[in-house]
Amino acid sequence: MKRSLICLAVLPTLWAFGALPVFAQHGGPHGGGIGAQAAGGPGMGMGRGMDDSAGRGRTSAPNIGDQTPRSMGKTPDQILTQNTKLSQSLANLLPPGTNLAYASKGFKNLGQFVAAVHVSHNLDIPFAELKSKMASGENLGQAIGDLKPDVNAKEEAKKANKQARETLRNANS
């Protein structure tokens, strides 16, 4: 009887400790992988091949530019207001008269916004439609797939993420 009680007490403990490494590998039970760490860490979306940690083929925008020392805690529209070089670069990719501060609202970070601007420009997708899809919870790859089913959404998202990194790097140099 004593032995059965000890086994019943020990088994849940062993199971709990056995599950910890699984949660640690994926940022906890809430999937805090991509974008959860500050820029520069391996989980920022770039060092992990642009796919989410579970490998479901979802492509995320880079988490670049939203946590640099100069911009930590600032929203994309605040950064765009201060960085005129970046604002001008993005304005050239959007239809004339687009209000960048308004257009960037609703994006999780500046990198996601810049990648969306590049996708809109590259694939001739109306930016408002792309933003709407992403605001409803779709990632960049899913939104591309919905709006342009004839293109390789994963490759296009990768291309836009690379362009976003370059745009942000050039704007900060």
Foldseek 3Di string as FASTA:
>chain_A
DVVVVVCVVVVVVVVVVVCVVVQVQQVHPVRCAAPNDAPPDCRQCVVVPQARPVPPLAGAFGQPPCPDPVRDPHALLVVCVVQVLLVVVLCVLAPPPDDVSVLRPQDPHNRQSQLLSVLCSVVVNHSVQLSVVVSVPGHQLVSCCVRPVPDNSSVSSVVSNVVSVVSVVVSVD
